[in-house]
Amino acid sequence: MKTDQQVQKDVLAELLWEPSVSAANIGVEVKDGIVTLAGHVNSFAEKWDAERAAQRVVGVKALAIEMDVNLPGSSHRHDADIARAVESALEWSIYVPQNAVKVLVERGHVTLTGEVHWEYQREAAAKAVRYLMGVTGVSDQITLKPEISSSVVKSDIEAALKRRAHDEAQKIAVSVKGADVTLSGKVPSWADRILVRYSAWGTSGVRNVVDNLTVAV
């Protein structure tokens, strides 16, 4: 089991290793495995990449984000310009159904709403706008349309977990109520936690996933 100092050292190293992140502008504190990232970054994309980098480190139980996005002068855009760029990015994405997603931009913060059939379509919409210039944040409020029965959703998720997580699937409980899935149990790392969550989201008909998994470090 890693100490907080070891986790802090590894997170700092991972941030330095990530080329899209200016690690010198980000402070890292760790207490009881909970990592706090603080500081200022030049784009929402950099903030997002810093969060993903920290999550890759074994021993990280949770993240607290206290980073601010301070756009340099050349990156500032009017909300109307950002909205047009977002609409164009969604239109050009092959994974996002046409006219399925609505866009709201306020002071650089983009809110996406609407309905799609699959989680990968929702993620594709957020990814399409995450790296656009002038964006300071993204709220993904797109919902999924449930299509199949709860029993089928449960069996599909459990089968996916067994294919991907091997023995770890036996330690994970899957509860389905309507189109909402609750995951509970222990996984050995944050990466495995993400894998289990993606297995749930990758099942047709899942509208919401409640992640009650814990990382056993």
C-alpha atoms as a PDB file:
ATOM      1  CA  MET A   1       0.000   0.000   0.000  1.00  0.00           C
ATOM      2  CA  LYS A   2       1.388   3.393  -1.005  1.00  0.00           C
ATOM      3  CA  THR A   3       1.892   6.215   1.455  1.00  0.00           C
ATOM      4  CA  ASP A   4       0.446   9.645   0.702  1.00  0.00           C
ATOM      5  CA  GLN A   5       3.955  10.881  -0.067  1.00  0.00           C
ATOM      6  CA  GLN A   6       4.452   8.119  -2.625  1.00  0.00           C
ATOM      7  CA  VAL A   7       1.106   8.881  -4.259  1.00  0.00           C
ATOM      8  CA  GLN A   8       1.976  12.577  -4.395  1.00  0.00           C
ATOM      9  CA  LYS A   9       5.345  11.821  -5.974  1.00  0.00           C
ATOM     10  CA  ASP A  10       3.762   9.527  -8.568  1.00  0.00           C
ATOM     11  CA  VAL A  11       1.008  12.022  -9.459  1.00  0.00           C
ATOM     12  CA  LEU A  12       3.590  14.784  -9.931  1.00  0.00           C
ATOM     13  CA  ALA A  13       5.648  12.463 -12.127  1.00  0.00           C
ATOM     14  CA  GLU A  14       2.588  11.547 -14.196  1.00  0.00           C
ATOM     15  CA  LEU A  15       1.735  15.219 -14.695  1.00  0.00           C
ATOM     16  CA  LEU A  16       5.309  15.893 -15.819  1.00  0.00           C
ATOM     17  CA  TRP A  17       5.108  12.923 -18.174  1.00  0.00           C
ATOM     18  CA  GLU A  18       1.845  14.157 -19.773  1.00  0.00           C
ATOM     19  CA  PRO A  19       2.948  16.508 -22.617  1.00  0.00           C
ATOM     20  CA  SER A  20      -0.383  18.368 -22.789  1.00  0.00           C
ATOM     21  CA  VAL A  21      -0.074  19.541 -19.172  1.00  0.00           C
ATOM     22  CA  SER A  22       2.124  22.304 -17.727  1.00  0.00           C
ATOM     23  CA  ALA A  23       2.880  20.545 -14.463  1.00  0.00           C
ATOM     24  CA  ALA A  24       4.727  23.551 -13.024  1.00  0.00           C
ATOM     25  CA  ASN A  25       1.389  25.383 -12.694  1.00  0.00           C
ATOM     26  CA  ILE A  26      -0.344  22.578 -10.784  1.00  0.00           C
ATOM     27  CA  GLY A  27       0.024  21.800  -7.090  1.00  0.00           C
ATOM     28  CA  VAL A  28      -0.634  18.328  -5.703  1.00  0.00           C
ATOM     29  CA  GLU A  29      -1.702  17.492  -2.147  1.00  0.00           C
ATOM     30  CA  VAL A  30      -2.608  14.029  -0.862  1.00  0.00           C
ATOM     31  CA  LYS A  31      -4.360  12.962   2.316  1.00  0.00           C
ATOM     32  CA  ASP A  32      -5.613   9.422   2.911  1.00  0.00           C
ATOM     33  CA  GLY A  33      -5.319   8.683  -0.800  1.00  0.00           C
ATOM     34  CA  ILE A  34      -7.489  11.655  -1.795  1.00  0.00           C
ATOM     35  CA  VAL A  35      -5.617  13.863  -4.251  1.00  0.00           C
ATOM     36  CA  THR A  36      -6.235  17.600  -4.552  1.00  0.00           C
ATOM     37  CA  LEU A  37      -5.115  19.342  -7.745  1.00  0.00           C
ATOM     38  CA  ALA A  38      -4.830  23.119  -7.462  1.00  0.00           C
ATOM     39  CA  GLY A  39      -3.478  25.944  -9.601  1.00  0.00           C
ATOM     40  CA  HIS A  40      -4.165  27.642 -12.900  1.00  0.00           C
ATOM     41  CA  VAL A  41      -4.276  26.151 -16.389  1.00  0.00           C
ATOM     42  CA  ASN A  42      -4.584  27.811 -19.793  1.00  0.00           C
ATOM     43  CA  SER A  43      -7.492  25.759 -21.141  1.00  0.00           C
ATOM     44  CA  PHE A  44     -10.247  23.379 -20.150  1.00  0.00           C
ATOM     45  CA  ALA A  45      -8.487  20.734 -22.247  1.00  0.00           C
ATOM     46  CA  GLU A  46      -5.389  21.008 -20.054  1.00  0.00           C
ATOM     47  CA  LYS A  47      -7.530  20.763 -16.921  1.00  0.00           C
ATOM     48  CA  TRP A  48      -9.224  17.647 -18.272  1.00  0.00           C
ATOM     49  CA  ASP A  49      -5.913  16.021 -19.221  1.00  0.00           C
ATOM     50  CA  ALA A  50      -4.455  16.786 -15.788  1.00  0.00           C
ATOM     51  CA  GLU A  51      -7.417  15.075 -14.117  1.00  0.00           C
ATOM     52  CA  ARG A  52      -7.060  12.005 -16.338  1.00  0.00           C
ATOM     53  CA  ALA A  53      -3.314  11.861 -15.655  1.00  0.00           C
ATOM     54  CA  ALA A  54      -3.892  11.831 -11.890  1.00  0.00           C
ATOM     55  CA  GLN A  55      -6.531   9.112 -12.194  1.00  0.00           C
ATOM     56  CA  ARG A  56      -4.034   6.842 -13.954  1.00  0.00           C
ATOM     57  CA  VAL A  57      -1.863   6.635 -10.843  1.00  0.00           C
ATOM     58  CA  VAL A  58      -2.325   3.558  -8.655  1.00  0.00           C
ATOM     59  CA  GLY A  59      -3.183   4.533  -5.092  1.00  0.00           C
ATOM     60  CA  VAL A  60      -5.427   7.481  -5.980  1.00  0.00           C
ATOM     61  CA  LYS A  61      -8.783   6.917  -4.268  1.00  0.00           C
ATOM     62  CA  ALA A  62     -10.489  10.168  -5.255  1.00  0.00           C
ATOM     63  CA  LEU A  63      -9.807  13.569  -6.780  1.00  0.00           C
ATOM     64  CA  ALA A  64     -10.636  17.067  -5.533  1.00  0.00           C
ATOM     65  CA  ILE A  65     -10.289  19.666  -8.260  1.00  0.00           C
ATOM     66  CA  GLU A  66      -9.363  23.231  -7.344  1.00  0.00           C
ATOM     67  CA  MET A  67      -7.841  24.244 -10.677  1.00  0.00           C
ATOM     68  CA  ASP A  68      -8.968  27.410 -12.451  1.00  0.00           C
ATOM     69  CA  VAL A  69      -9.038  27.910 -16.207  1.00  0.00           C
ATOM     70  CA  ASN A  70      -7.391  31.246 -17.052  1.00  0.00           C
ATOM     71  CA  LEU A  71      -7.519  31.702 -20.793  1.00  0.00           C
ATOM     72  CA  PRO A  72      -4.633  33.683 -22.295  1.00  0.00           C
ATOM     73  CA  GLY A  73      -5.691  36.736 -24.307  1.00  0.00           C
ATOM     74  CA  SER A  74      -5.315  34.995 -27.667  1.00  0.00           C
ATOM     75  CA  SER A  75      -7.657  32.181 -26.609  1.00  0.00           C
ATOM     76  CA  HIS A  76     -10.648  34.315 -25.603  1.00  0.00           C
ATOM     77  CA  ARG A  77     -13.712  33.928 -27.811  1.00  0.00           C
ATOM     78  CA  HIS A  78     -17.227  35.404 -27.718  1.00  0.00           C
ATOM     79  CA  ASP A  79     -19.939  32.967 -26.652  1.00  0.00           C
ATOM     80  CA  ALA A  80     -21.604  33.232 -30.065  1.00  0.00           C
ATOM     81  CA  ASP A  81     -18.359  32.210 -31.770  1.00  0.00           C
ATOM     82  CA  ILE A  82     -17.898  29.299 -29.369  1.00  0.00           C
ATOM     83  CA  ALA A  83     -21.493  28.167 -29.967  1.00  0.00           C
ATOM     84  CA  ARG A  84     -20.928  28.151 -33.720  1.00  0.00           C
ATOM     85  CA  ALA A  85     -17.706  26.191 -33.296  1.00  0.00           C
ATOM     86  CA  VAL A  86     -19.463  23.662 -31.042  1.00  0.00           C
ATOM     87  CA  GLU A  87     -22.310  23.191 -33.519  1.00  0.00           C
ATOM     88  CA  SER A  88     -19.791  22.632 -36.296  1.00  0.00           C
ATOM     89  CA  ALA A  89     -17.762  20.145 -34.243  1.00  0.00           C
ATOM     90  CA  LEU A  90     -20.895  18.139 -33.406  1.00  0.00           C
ATOM     91  CA  GLU A  91     -22.009  18.189 -37.019  1.00  0.00           C
ATOM     92  CA  TRP A  92     -18.659  16.803 -38.185  1.00  0.00           C
ATOM     93  CA  SER A  93     -18.514  14.021 -35.571  1.00  0.00           C
ATOM     94  CA  ILE A  94     -19.531  10.689 -37.088  1.00  0.00           C
ATOM     95  CA  TYR A  95     -20.580   9.371 -33.660  1.00  0.00           C
ATOM     96  CA  VAL A  96     -23.019  12.138 -32.729  1.00  0.00           C
ATOM     97  CA  PRO A  97     -26.520  11.760 -34.259  1.00  0.00           C
ATOM     98  CA  GLN A  98     -27.554  14.803 -36.257  1.00  0.00           C
ATOM     99  CA  ASN A  99     -29.780  17.304 -34.402  1.00  0.00           C
ATOM    100  CA  ALA A 100     -29.745  15.160 -31.250  1.00  0.00           C
ATOM    101  CA  VAL A 101     -27.701  17.553 -29.082  1.00  0.00           C
ATOM    102  CA  LYS A 102     -28.558  21.127 -28.087  1.00  0.00           C
ATOM    103  CA  VAL A 103     -25.901  23.655 -27.092  1.00  0.00           C
ATOM    104  CA  LEU A 104     -25.832  26.458 -24.518  1.00  0.00           C
ATOM    105  CA  VAL A 105     -22.745  28.640 -24.000  1.00  0.00           C
ATOM    106  CA  GLU A 106     -22.361  31.066 -21.116  1.00  0.00           C
ATOM    107  CA  ARG A 107     -19.037  32.825 -20.491  1.00  0.00           C
ATOM    108  CA  GLY A 108     -17.190  30.065 -22.247  1.00  0.00           C
ATOM    109  CA  HIS A 109     -18.908  27.234 -20.352  1.00  0.00           C
ATOM    110  CA  VAL A 110     -20.644  24.818 -22.729  1.00  0.00           C
ATOM    111  CA  THR A 111     -23.747  22.873 -21.642  1.00  0.00           C
ATOM    112  CA  LEU A 112     -24.866  19.970 -23.823  1.00  0.00           C
ATOM    113  CA  THR A 113     -28.425  18.611 -23.603  1.00  0.00           C
ATOM    114  CA  GLY A 114     -30.542  16.223 -25.639  1.00  0.00           C
ATOM    115  CA  GLU A 115     -30.995  12.456 -26.024  1.00  0.00           C
ATOM    116  CA  VAL A 116     -28.894   9.746 -27.674  1.00  0.00           C
ATOM    117  CA  HIS A 117     -29.058   5.936 -27.657  1.00  0.00           C
ATOM    118  CA  TRP A 118     -25.536   5.066 -26.515  1.00  0.00           C
ATOM    119  CA  GLU A 119     -23.002   6.255 -23.950  1.00  0.00           C
ATOM    120  CA  TYR A 120     -20.263   6.397 -26.621  1.00  0.00           C
ATOM    121  CA  GLN A 121     -22.390   8.939 -28.498  1.00  0.00           C
ATOM    122  CA  ARG A 122     -22.707  11.085 -25.393  1.00  0.00           C
ATOM    123  CA  GLU A 123     -18.964  10.861 -24.731  1.00  0.00           C
ATOM    124  CA  ALA A 124     -18.230  11.687 -28.383  1.00  0.00           C
ATOM    125  CA  ALA A 125     -20.286  14.876 -28.099  1.00  0.00           C
ATOM    126  CA  ALA A 126     -18.368  16.025 -25.011  1.00  0.00           C
ATOM    127  CA  LYS A 127     -15.033  15.082 -26.563  1.00  0.00           C
ATOM    128  CA  ALA A 128     -15.858  16.994 -29.742  1.00  0.00           C
ATOM    129  CA  VAL A 129     -16.099  20.299 -27.836  1.00  0.00           C
ATOM    130  CA  ARG A 130     -13.653  19.680 -24.978  1.00  0.00           C
ATOM    131  CA  TYR A 131     -10.620  20.851 -26.939  1.00  0.00           C
ATOM    132  CA  LEU A 132     -12.122  23.858 -28.717  1.00  0.00           C
ATOM    133  CA  MET A 133     -10.447  27.216 -28.175  1.00  0.00           C
ATOM    134  CA  GLY A 134     -12.239  29.503 -25.724  1.00  0.00           C
ATOM    135  CA  VAL A 135     -14.057  26.724 -23.862  1.00  0.00           C
ATOM    136  CA  THR A 136     -13.673  27.050 -20.078  1.00  0.00           C
ATOM    137  CA  GLY A 137     -15.830  24.077 -19.060  1.00  0.00           C
ATOM    138  CA  VAL A 138     -18.209  21.417 -20.350  1.00  0.00           C
ATOM    139  CA  SER A 139     -21.396  20.188 -18.648  1.00  0.00           C
ATOM    140  CA  ASP A 140     -22.622  16.995 -20.282  1.00  0.00           C
ATOM    141  CA  GLN A 141     -26.352  16.779 -19.535  1.00  0.00           C
ATOM    142  CA  ILE A 142     -27.188  14.552 -22.489  1.00  0.00           C
ATOM    143  CA  THR A 143     -29.475  11.676 -21.475  1.00  0.00           C
ATOM    144  CA  LEU A 144     -29.760   8.144 -22.843  1.00  0.00           C
ATOM    145  CA  LYS A 145     -32.899   6.519 -24.185  1.00  0.00           C
ATOM    146  CA  PRO A 146     -33.569   3.175 -22.443  1.00  0.00           C
ATOM    147  CA  GLU A 147     -34.405   0.444 -24.970  1.00  0.00           C
ATOM    148  CA  ILE A 148     -34.290  -2.973 -23.287  1.00  0.00           C
ATOM    149  CA  SER A 149     -35.349  -4.720 -20.083  1.00  0.00           C
ATOM    150  CA  SER A 150     -33.530  -4.470 -16.764  1.00  0.00           C
ATOM    151  CA  SER A 151     -32.761  -8.206 -16.721  1.00  0.00           C
ATOM    152  CA  VAL A 152     -31.039  -7.992 -20.105  1.00  0.00           C
ATOM    153  CA  VAL A 153     -29.025  -4.947 -19.006  1.00  0.00           C
ATOM    154  CA  LYS A 154     -27.867  -6.762 -15.858  1.00  0.00           C
ATOM    155  CA  SER A 155     -26.809  -9.911 -17.712  1.00  0.00           C
ATOM    156  CA  ASP A 156     -25.005  -7.916 -20.422  1.00  0.00           C
ATOM    157  CA  ILE A 157     -23.018  -5.933 -17.841  1.00  0.00           C
ATOM    158  CA  GLU A 158     -22.057  -9.030 -15.827  1.00  0.00           C
ATOM    159  CA  ALA A 159     -20.946 -10.817 -19.010  1.00  0.00           C
ATOM    160  CA  ALA A 160     -18.833  -7.794 -20.030  1.00  0.00           C
ATOM    161  CA  LEU A 161     -17.216  -7.637 -16.593  1.00  0.00           C
ATOM    162  CA  LYS A 162     -16.275 -11.319 -16.758  1.00  0.00           C
ATOM    163  CA  ARG A 163     -14.749 -10.843 -20.226  1.00  0.00           C
ATOM    164  CA  ARG A 164     -12.717  -7.791 -19.223  1.00  0.00           C
ATOM    165  CA  ALA A 165     -11.978  -7.968 -15.520  1.00  0.00           C
ATOM    166  CA  HIS A 166     -11.590 -11.736 -15.147  1.00  0.00           C
ATOM    167  CA  ASP A 167     -11.639 -12.689 -11.446  1.00  0.00           C
ATOM    168  CA  GLU A 168     -12.513  -9.125 -10.385  1.00  0.00           C
ATOM    169  CA  ALA A 169     -16.008  -9.576 -11.833  1.00  0.00           C
ATOM    170  CA  GLN A 170     -16.822 -11.913  -8.971  1.00  0.00           C
ATOM    171  CA  LYS A 171     -16.253  -9.095  -6.445  1.00  0.00           C
ATOM    172  CA  ILE A 172     -18.546  -6.572  -8.162  1.00  0.00           C
ATOM    173  CA  ALA A 173     -22.291  -6.337  -7.575  1.00  0.00           C
ATOM    174  CA  VAL A 174     -24.543  -4.991 -10.325  1.00  0.00           C
ATOM    175  CA  SER A 175     -27.976  -3.644  -9.381  1.00  0.00           C
ATOM    176  CA  VAL A 176     -30.436  -2.509 -12.052  1.00  0.00           C
ATOM    177  CA  LYS A 177     -33.558  -0.448 -11.454  1.00  0.00           C
ATOM    178  CA  GLY A 178     -35.274   0.580 -14.647  1.00  0.00           C
ATOM    179  CA  ALA A 179     -32.458   1.948 -16.798  1.00  0.00           C
ATOM    180  CA  ASP A 180     -30.314   2.974 -13.801  1.00  0.00           C
ATOM    181  CA  VAL A 181     -27.345   0.793 -12.838  1.00  0.00           C
ATOM    182  CA  THR A 182     -25.585   0.778  -9.455  1.00  0.00           C
ATOM    183  CA  LEU A 183     -22.117  -0.738  -9.161  1.00  0.00           C
ATOM    184  CA  SER A 184     -20.664  -1.741  -5.789  1.00  0.00           C
ATOM    185  CA  GLY A 185     -17.721  -3.755  -4.529  1.00  0.00           C
ATOM    186  CA  LYS A 186     -13.930  -3.411  -4.572  1.00  0.00           C
ATOM    187  CA  VAL A 187     -11.466  -3.136  -7.461  1.00  0.00           C
ATOM    188  CA  PRO A 188      -7.640  -3.195  -7.236  1.00  0.00           C
ATOM    189  CA  SER A 189      -6.984   0.106  -9.030  1.00  0.00           C
ATOM    190  CA  TRP A 190      -8.557   3.273 -10.409  1.00  0.00           C
ATOM    191  CA  ALA A 191      -7.955   1.939 -13.936  1.00  0.00           C
ATOM    192  CA  ASP A 192     -10.035  -1.156 -13.131  1.00  0.00           C
ATOM    193  CA  ARG A 193     -12.730   1.093 -11.683  1.00  0.00           C
ATOM    194  CA  ILE A 194     -12.890   3.007 -14.965  1.00  0.00           C
ATOM    195  CA  LEU A 195     -12.993  -0.290 -16.893  1.00  0.00           C
ATOM    196  CA  VAL A 196     -15.941  -1.538 -14.850  1.00  0.00           C
ATOM    197  CA  ARG A 197     -17.778   1.771 -15.241  1.00  0.00           C
ATOM    198  CA  TYR A 198     -17.223   1.735 -19.016  1.00  0.00           C
ATOM    199  CA  SER A 199     -18.482  -1.847 -19.151  1.00  0.00           C
ATOM    200  CA  ALA A 200     -21.733  -0.662 -17.601  1.00  0.00           C
ATOM    201  CA  TRP A 201     -22.037   2.387 -19.847  1.00  0.00           C
ATOM    202  CA  GLY A 202     -21.279   0.243 -22.903  1.00  0.00           C
ATOM    203  CA  THR A 203     -24.496  -1.718 -22.481  1.00  0.00           C
ATOM    204  CA  SER A 204     -27.471  -0.631 -24.548  1.00  0.00           C
ATOM    205  CA  GLY A 205     -30.337   0.766 -22.494  1.00  0.00           C
ATOM    206  CA  VAL A 206     -28.269   2.093 -19.591  1.00  0.00           C
ATOM    207  CA  ARG A 207     -29.332   5.654 -18.776  1.00  0.00           C
ATOM    208  CA  ASN A 208     -27.417   6.302 -15.570  1.00  0.00           C
ATOM    209  CA  VAL A 209     -24.561   4.622 -13.675  1.00  0.00           C
ATOM    210  CA  VAL A 210     -24.072   5.098  -9.932  1.00  0.00           C
ATOM    211  CA  ASP A 211     -20.478   4.229  -9.100  1.00  0.00           C
ATOM    212  CA  ASN A 212     -20.214   2.995  -5.500  1.00  0.00           C
ATOM    213  CA  LEU A 213     -17.029   1.042  -6.212  1.00  0.00           C
ATOM    214  CA  THR A 214     -14.057   1.440  -3.890  1.00  0.00           C
ATOM    215  CA  VAL A 215     -10.382   1.082  -4.726  1.00  0.00           C
ATOM    216  CA  ALA A 216      -8.605  -1.434  -2.500  1.00  0.00           C
ATOM    217  CA  VAL A 217      -5.075  -0.076  -2.168  1.00  0.00           C
END
